[in-house]
Amino acid sequence: MFQDFADIDEADNLDMDSAADTELDDTSYSQPLYTGSKLSVGTVIVLVMTFVLRHHLPWCAVEDLLMLLQIILPASSLLPKTRFLFEKPFSACSGIIEFCYYCPFCFANVESRHIRFLFEKPFSDV
């Protein structure tokens, strides 16, 4: 049922050259995640970051999540393979972010909070 995890450990040692090959420019975010995908690279990056923020994941968990997605997705996937490449689209984000909470039944705004946000250290590194 379970495969030998030795193969998975190799994903930890991603070759920096292969990571550079998948570096995205500003126009790449609208491309499909992989051939035949209905989701764009940008959409998936935002979905992953939403998951990370919602669950207050530390960066070590984000790195593990990215590695897991690399194992699951086709090899041709354009999803950033490293934390550095994943953070890159958000590097210009700093300032104040407004979090809005909505009622799940009527979608009325229940609460809004403003949070000062500096992207360099939004999570703990534990």
N, C-alpha and C. Protein backbone atom coordinates (compact mmCIF):
# COMPACT_ATOMS: atom_id res chain seq x y z
N MET A 1 0.81 -1.18 0.00
CA MET A 1 0.00 0.00 0.00
C MET A 1 0.87 1.26 0.00
N PHE A 2 1.90 1.31 0.87
CA PHE A 2 2.78 2.46 0.91
C PHE A 2 4.07 2.15 0.18
N GLN A 3 4.55 3.14 -0.55
CA GLN A 3 5.81 2.94 -1.25
C GLN A 3 6.96 3.27 -0.31
N ASP A 4 8.15 2.88 -0.69
CA ASP A 4 9.33 3.19 0.08
C ASP A 4 9.54 4.70 0.09
N PHE A 5 9.70 5.28 1.25
CA PHE A 5 9.82 6.74 1.35
C PHE A 5 11.20 7.25 0.98
N ALA A 6 12.12 6.37 0.61
CA ALA A 6 13.44 6.83 0.18
C ALA A 6 13.32 7.69 -1.07
N ASP A 7 12.38 7.33 -1.96
CA ASP A 7 12.19 8.12 -3.18
C ASP A 7 11.68 9.51 -2.85
N ILE A 8 10.84 9.61 -1.85
CA ILE A 8 10.26 10.90 -1.48
C ILE A 8 11.32 11.80 -0.88
N ASP A 9 12.27 11.22 -0.12
CA ASP A 9 13.34 12.02 0.48
C ASP A 9 14.16 12.73 -0.58
N GLU A 10 14.26 12.14 -1.76
CA GLU A 10 15.01 12.77 -2.84
C GLU A 10 14.40 14.10 -3.24
N ALA A 11 13.09 14.26 -3.07
CA ALA A 11 12.43 15.53 -3.40
C ALA A 11 12.92 16.64 -2.48
N ASP A 12 13.41 16.28 -1.27
CA ASP A 12 13.97 17.27 -0.36
C ASP A 12 15.21 17.93 -0.94
N ASN A 13 15.93 17.20 -1.76
CA ASN A 13 17.18 17.68 -2.32
C ASN A 13 16.98 18.20 -3.73
N LEU A 14 16.03 19.12 -3.89
CA LEU A 14 15.75 19.66 -5.22
C LEU A 14 16.98 20.36 -5.76
N ASP A 15 17.30 20.07 -6.98
CA ASP A 15 18.41 20.70 -7.67
C ASP A 15 18.06 22.15 -7.91
N MET A 16 18.93 23.07 -7.52
CA MET A 16 18.64 24.49 -7.69
C MET A 16 18.50 24.87 -9.15
N ASP A 17 19.17 24.15 -10.05
CA ASP A 17 19.02 24.43 -11.48
C ASP A 17 17.59 24.14 -11.92
N SER A 18 17.02 23.03 -11.44
CA SER A 18 15.65 22.71 -11.84
C SER A 18 14.67 23.70 -11.25
N ALA A 19 14.97 24.22 -10.05
CA ALA A 19 14.10 25.24 -9.45
C ALA A 19 14.17 26.52 -10.26
N ALA A 20 15.35 26.85 -10.76
CA ALA A 20 15.50 28.06 -11.57
C ALA A 20 14.75 27.92 -12.89
N ASP A 21 14.69 26.70 -13.41
CA ASP A 21 13.98 26.47 -14.67
C ASP A 21 12.49 26.77 -14.53
N THR A 22 11.95 26.64 -13.34
CA THR A 22 10.51 26.84 -13.16
C THR A 22 10.20 28.23 -12.61
N GLU A 23 11.19 29.11 -12.56
CA GLU A 23 10.93 30.46 -12.06
C GLU A 23 9.95 31.15 -12.99
N LEU A 24 8.97 31.79 -12.41
CA LEU A 24 7.89 32.39 -13.18
C LEU A 24 8.10 33.89 -13.30
N ASP A 25 7.74 34.43 -14.45
CA ASP A 25 7.70 35.88 -14.57
C ASP A 25 6.24 36.32 -14.40
N ASP A 26 6.01 37.63 -14.47
CA ASP A 26 4.66 38.14 -14.20
C ASP A 26 3.59 37.63 -15.16
N THR A 27 3.99 37.25 -16.37
CA THR A 27 3.00 36.77 -17.35
C THR A 27 2.69 35.28 -17.17
N SER A 28 3.52 34.57 -16.43
CA SER A 28 3.34 33.12 -16.26
C SER A 28 2.18 32.75 -15.34
N TYR A 29 1.76 33.68 -14.49
CA TYR A 29 0.75 33.35 -13.50
C TYR A 29 -0.61 33.05 -14.12
N SER A 30 -0.84 33.49 -15.35
CA SER A 30 -2.12 33.21 -16.00
C SER A 30 -2.08 31.92 -16.82
N GLN A 31 -0.92 31.28 -16.92
CA GLN A 31 -0.81 30.01 -17.66
C GLN A 31 -1.45 28.88 -16.86
N PRO A 32 -1.90 27.83 -17.56
CA PRO A 32 -2.43 26.66 -16.84
C PRO A 32 -1.34 26.04 -15.95
N LEU A 33 -1.73 25.49 -14.83
CA LEU A 33 -0.79 24.88 -13.90
C LEU A 33 0.03 23.78 -14.59
N TYR A 34 -0.63 23.01 -15.42
CA TYR A 34 0.01 21.99 -16.27
C TYR A 34 -0.90 21.81 -17.47
N THR A 35 -0.43 21.14 -18.48
CA THR A 35 -1.22 20.95 -19.69
C THR A 35 -2.54 20.27 -19.36
N GLY A 36 -3.63 20.91 -19.74
CA GLY A 36 -4.96 20.36 -19.50
C GLY A 36 -5.59 20.80 -18.19
N SER A 37 -4.85 21.53 -17.36
CA SER A 37 -5.39 22.00 -16.08
C SER A 37 -6.40 23.12 -16.30
N LYS A 38 -7.45 23.13 -15.49
CA LYS A 38 -8.43 24.21 -15.56
C LYS A 38 -8.04 25.36 -14.64
N LEU A 39 -7.01 25.16 -13.81
CA LEU A 39 -6.56 26.18 -12.88
C LEU A 39 -5.27 26.82 -13.38
N SER A 40 -5.16 28.13 -13.19
CA SER A 40 -3.92 28.82 -13.57
C SER A 40 -2.91 28.71 -12.43
N VAL A 41 -1.66 28.97 -12.76
CA VAL A 41 -0.59 28.96 -11.76
C VAL A 41 -0.92 29.96 -10.66
N GLY A 42 -1.32 31.16 -11.03
CA GLY A 42 -1.63 32.20 -10.05
C GLY A 42 -2.76 31.80 -9.12
N THR A 43 -3.78 31.17 -9.67
CA THR A 43 -4.92 30.73 -8.86
C THR A 43 -4.46 29.71 -7.82
N VAL A 44 -3.64 28.76 -8.22
CA VAL A 44 -3.17 27.73 -7.29
C VAL A 44 -2.27 28.34 -6.22
N ILE A 45 -1.41 29.28 -6.60
CA ILE A 45 -0.55 29.93 -5.61
C ILE A 45 -1.41 30.66 -4.57
N VAL A 46 -2.44 31.36 -5.02
CA VAL A 46 -3.32 32.06 -4.08
C VAL A 46 -4.09 31.06 -3.21
N LEU A 47 -4.55 29.96 -3.79
CA LEU A 47 -5.26 28.94 -3.00
C LEU A 47 -4.35 28.35 -1.93
N VAL A 48 -3.11 28.05 -2.29
CA VAL A 48 -2.16 27.49 -1.31
C VAL A 48 -1.88 28.52 -0.21
N MET A 49 -1.65 29.78 -0.60
CA MET A 49 -1.38 30.81 0.41
C MET A 49 -2.60 31.01 1.31
N THR A 50 -3.80 30.93 0.77
CA THR A 50 -5.01 31.04 1.57
C THR A 50 -5.07 29.93 2.61
N PHE A 51 -4.74 28.72 2.19
CA PHE A 51 -4.69 27.57 3.10
C PHE A 51 -3.65 27.79 4.19
N VAL A 52 -2.48 28.28 3.80
CA VAL A 52 -1.38 28.54 4.74
C VAL A 52 -1.81 29.56 5.79
N LEU A 53 -2.42 30.67 5.35
CA LEU A 53 -2.83 31.72 6.27
C LEU A 53 -3.98 31.27 7.18
N ARG A 54 -4.93 30.56 6.58
CA ARG A 54 -6.10 30.12 7.37
C ARG A 54 -5.71 29.19 8.51
N HIS A 55 -4.72 28.34 8.27
CA HIS A 55 -4.31 27.34 9.26
C HIS A 55 -3.05 27.73 10.02
N HIS A 56 -2.56 28.97 9.80
CA HIS A 56 -1.40 29.49 10.52
C HIS A 56 -0.21 28.53 10.42
N LEU A 57 0.06 28.06 9.22
CA LEU A 57 1.14 27.09 9.04
C LEU A 57 2.51 27.74 9.17
N PRO A 58 3.43 27.10 9.86
CA PRO A 58 4.81 27.58 9.88
C PRO A 58 5.47 27.28 8.54
N TRP A 59 6.57 27.96 8.26
CA TRP A 59 7.21 27.79 6.95
C TRP A 59 7.68 26.36 6.70
N CYS A 60 8.06 25.63 7.75
CA CYS A 60 8.48 24.25 7.52
C CYS A 60 7.30 23.43 6.98
N ALA A 61 6.07 23.72 7.43
CA ALA A 61 4.89 23.03 6.91
C ALA A 61 4.58 23.46 5.49
N VAL A 62 4.82 24.74 5.18
CA VAL A 62 4.60 25.23 3.81
C VAL A 62 5.55 24.52 2.86
N GLU A 63 6.81 24.38 3.27
CA GLU A 63 7.79 23.69 2.43
C GLU A 63 7.38 22.23 2.22
N ASP A 64 6.89 21.58 3.28
CA ASP A 64 6.43 20.19 3.16
C ASP A 64 5.21 20.10 2.25
N LEU A 65 4.30 21.07 2.36
CA LEU A 65 3.11 21.10 1.50
C LEU A 65 3.52 21.25 0.03
N LEU A 66 4.46 22.15 -0.25
CA LEU A 66 4.94 22.31 -1.62
C LEU A 66 5.57 21.02 -2.14
N MET A 67 6.34 20.33 -1.28
CA MET A 67 6.95 19.07 -1.69
C MET A 67 5.86 18.02 -1.97
N LEU A 68 4.84 17.96 -1.13
CA LEU A 68 3.74 17.02 -1.33
C LEU A 68 3.02 17.29 -2.65
N LEU A 69 2.77 18.56 -2.93
CA LEU A 69 2.11 18.92 -4.19
C LEU A 69 2.97 18.55 -5.40
N GLN A 70 4.29 18.69 -5.26
CA GLN A 70 5.19 18.31 -6.37
C GLN A 70 5.11 16.81 -6.64
N ILE A 71 4.93 16.03 -5.58
CA ILE A 71 4.82 14.58 -5.74
C ILE A 71 3.49 14.22 -6.40
N ILE A 72 2.42 14.92 -6.04
CA ILE A 72 1.08 14.63 -6.54
C ILE A 72 0.88 15.12 -7.97
N LEU A 73 1.36 16.32 -8.27
CA LEU A 73 1.13 16.94 -9.59
C LEU A 73 2.03 16.34 -10.65
N PRO A 74 1.63 16.48 -11.92
CA PRO A 74 2.51 16.01 -13.00
C PRO A 74 3.85 16.74 -12.98
N ALA A 75 4.88 16.11 -13.48
CA ALA A 75 6.23 16.69 -13.49
C ALA A 75 6.27 18.02 -14.25
N SER A 76 5.35 18.20 -15.19
CA SER A 76 5.33 19.43 -16.00
C SER A 76 4.66 20.60 -15.28
N SER A 77 4.23 20.39 -14.04
CA SER A 77 3.54 21.44 -13.28
C SER A 77 4.42 22.67 -13.13
N LEU A 78 3.80 23.84 -13.23
CA LEU A 78 4.51 25.11 -13.07
C LEU A 78 4.43 25.65 -11.65
N LEU A 79 3.87 24.87 -10.71
CA LEU A 79 3.80 25.31 -9.33
C LEU A 79 5.22 25.53 -8.81
N PRO A 80 5.48 26.66 -8.14
CA PRO A 80 6.82 26.90 -7.61
C PRO A 80 7.29 25.73 -6.74
N LYS A 81 8.53 25.33 -6.94
CA LYS A 81 9.06 24.15 -6.26
C LYS A 81 9.77 24.47 -4.96
N THR A 82 10.06 25.73 -4.72
CA THR A 82 10.78 26.11 -3.52
C THR A 82 10.03 27.21 -2.77
N ARG A 83 10.37 27.35 -1.50
CA ARG A 83 9.76 28.41 -0.69
C ARG A 83 10.07 29.78 -1.29
N PHE A 84 11.31 29.97 -1.73
CA PHE A 84 11.71 31.25 -2.32
C PHE A 84 10.81 31.61 -3.51
N LEU A 85 10.61 30.65 -4.42
CA LEU A 85 9.79 30.91 -5.61
C LEU A 85 8.32 31.08 -5.24
N PHE A 86 7.86 30.37 -4.21
CA PHE A 86 6.48 30.50 -3.76
C PHE A 86 6.23 31.88 -3.15
N GLU A 87 7.20 32.39 -2.37
CA GLU A 87 7.06 33.70 -1.72
C GLU A 87 7.18 34.86 -2.70
N LYS A 88 7.86 34.64 -3.81
CA LYS A 88 8.20 35.73 -4.72
C LYS A 88 7.01 36.60 -5.14
N PRO A 89 5.86 36.04 -5.56
CA PRO A 89 4.76 36.92 -5.97
C PRO A 89 4.22 37.78 -4.82
N PHE A 90 4.49 37.39 -3.59
CA PHE A 90 3.98 38.11 -2.44
C PHE A 90 5.01 39.07 -1.85
N SER A 91 6.20 39.11 -2.42
CA SER A 91 7.28 39.89 -1.82
C SER A 91 6.98 41.39 -1.77
N ALA A 92 6.15 41.89 -2.66
CA ALA A 92 5.81 43.31 -2.66
C ALA A 92 4.66 43.61 -1.69
N CYS A 93 4.09 42.58 -1.07
CA CYS A 93 2.96 42.77 -0.18
C CYS A 93 3.44 43.20 1.20
N SER A 94 3.13 44.39 1.56
CA SER A 94 3.35 44.85 2.92
C SER A 94 2.38 46.00 3.16
N GLY A 95 2.15 46.32 4.37
CA GLY A 95 1.19 47.37 4.69
C GLY A 95 0.09 46.83 5.55
N ILE A 96 -1.11 47.30 5.30
CA ILE A 96 -2.26 46.90 6.11
C ILE A 96 -3.21 46.09 5.24
N ILE A 97 -3.61 44.95 5.78
CA ILE A 97 -4.55 44.08 5.08
C ILE A 97 -5.85 44.06 5.87
N GLU A 98 -6.97 44.13 5.17
CA GLU A 98 -8.26 44.06 5.83
C GLU A 98 -8.81 42.65 5.69
N PHE A 99 -9.07 42.00 6.81
CA PHE A 99 -9.68 40.69 6.83
C PHE A 99 -11.17 40.88 7.09
N CYS A 100 -12.00 40.34 6.22
CA CYS A 100 -13.46 40.45 6.36
C CYS A 100 -14.04 39.07 6.62
N TYR A 101 -14.92 38.99 7.59
CA TYR A 101 -15.58 37.74 7.92
C TYR A 101 -17.05 37.87 7.56
N TYR A 102 -17.57 36.87 6.85
CA TYR A 102 -18.94 36.92 6.35
C TYR A 102 -19.76 35.79 6.95
N CYS A 103 -21.05 36.06 7.13
CA CYS A 103 -22.01 35.06 7.58
C CYS A 103 -22.13 34.00 6.48
N PRO A 104 -22.00 32.71 6.82
CA PRO A 104 -22.07 31.67 5.79
C PRO A 104 -23.48 31.48 5.21
N PHE A 105 -24.49 32.06 5.86
CA PHE A 105 -25.86 31.89 5.39
C PHE A 105 -26.34 33.06 4.53
N CYS A 106 -26.11 34.29 5.01
CA CYS A 106 -26.62 35.45 4.27
C CYS A 106 -25.50 36.28 3.63
N PHE A 107 -24.25 35.92 3.88
CA PHE A 107 -23.07 36.59 3.34
C PHE A 107 -22.94 38.05 3.76
N ALA A 108 -23.58 38.41 4.86
CA ALA A 108 -23.41 39.76 5.40
C ALA A 108 -22.05 39.86 6.08
N ASN A 109 -21.43 41.03 6.01
CA ASN A 109 -20.14 41.25 6.65
C ASN A 109 -20.34 41.26 8.16
N VAL A 110 -19.74 40.30 8.84
CA VAL A 110 -19.90 40.15 10.28
C VAL A 110 -18.84 40.95 11.03
N GLU A 111 -17.61 40.95 10.52
CA GLU A 111 -16.51 41.61 11.20
C GLU A 111 -15.43 41.94 10.18
N SER A 112 -14.76 43.05 10.40
CA SER A 112 -13.59 43.41 9.59
C SER A 112 -12.47 43.79 10.54
N ARG A 113 -11.28 43.33 10.24
CA ARG A 113 -10.11 43.68 11.05
C ARG A 113 -9.00 44.13 10.12
N HIS A 114 -8.26 45.12 10.55
CA HIS A 114 -7.09 45.58 9.82
C HIS A 114 -5.85 45.05 10.54
N ILE A 115 -4.96 44.44 9.79
CA ILE A 115 -3.75 43.87 10.36
C ILE A 115 -2.55 44.40 9.60
N ARG A 116 -1.56 44.90 10.34
CA ARG A 116 -0.30 45.32 9.71
C ARG A 116 0.42 44.06 9.26
N PHE A 117 0.89 44.07 8.04
CA PHE A 117 1.44 42.88 7.42
C PHE A 117 2.76 43.22 6.76
N LEU A 118 3.80 42.55 7.17
CA LEU A 118 5.10 42.66 6.52
C LEU A 118 5.47 41.26 6.10
N PHE A 119 5.58 40.99 4.82
CA PHE A 119 5.66 39.62 4.33
C PHE A 119 6.90 38.88 4.78
N GLU A 120 7.97 39.57 5.09
CA GLU A 120 9.20 38.84 5.44
C GLU A 120 8.99 37.86 6.58
N LYS A 121 8.15 38.19 7.58
CA LYS A 121 8.00 37.33 8.75
C LYS A 121 6.54 37.15 9.17
N PRO A 122 5.64 36.70 8.26
CA PRO A 122 4.25 36.56 8.70
C PRO A 122 4.00 35.31 9.52
N PHE A 123 4.92 34.34 9.48
CA PHE A 123 4.71 33.07 10.16
C PHE A 123 5.91 32.77 11.04
N SER A 124 5.74 31.88 11.98
CA SER A 124 6.90 31.43 12.75
C SER A 124 7.66 30.41 11.91
N ASP A 125 8.93 30.27 12.19
CA ASP A 125 9.76 29.33 11.43
C ASP A 125 9.94 28.01 12.15
N VAL A 126 9.11 27.70 13.12
CA VAL A 126 9.23 26.43 13.82
C VAL A 126 8.62 25.31 13.08
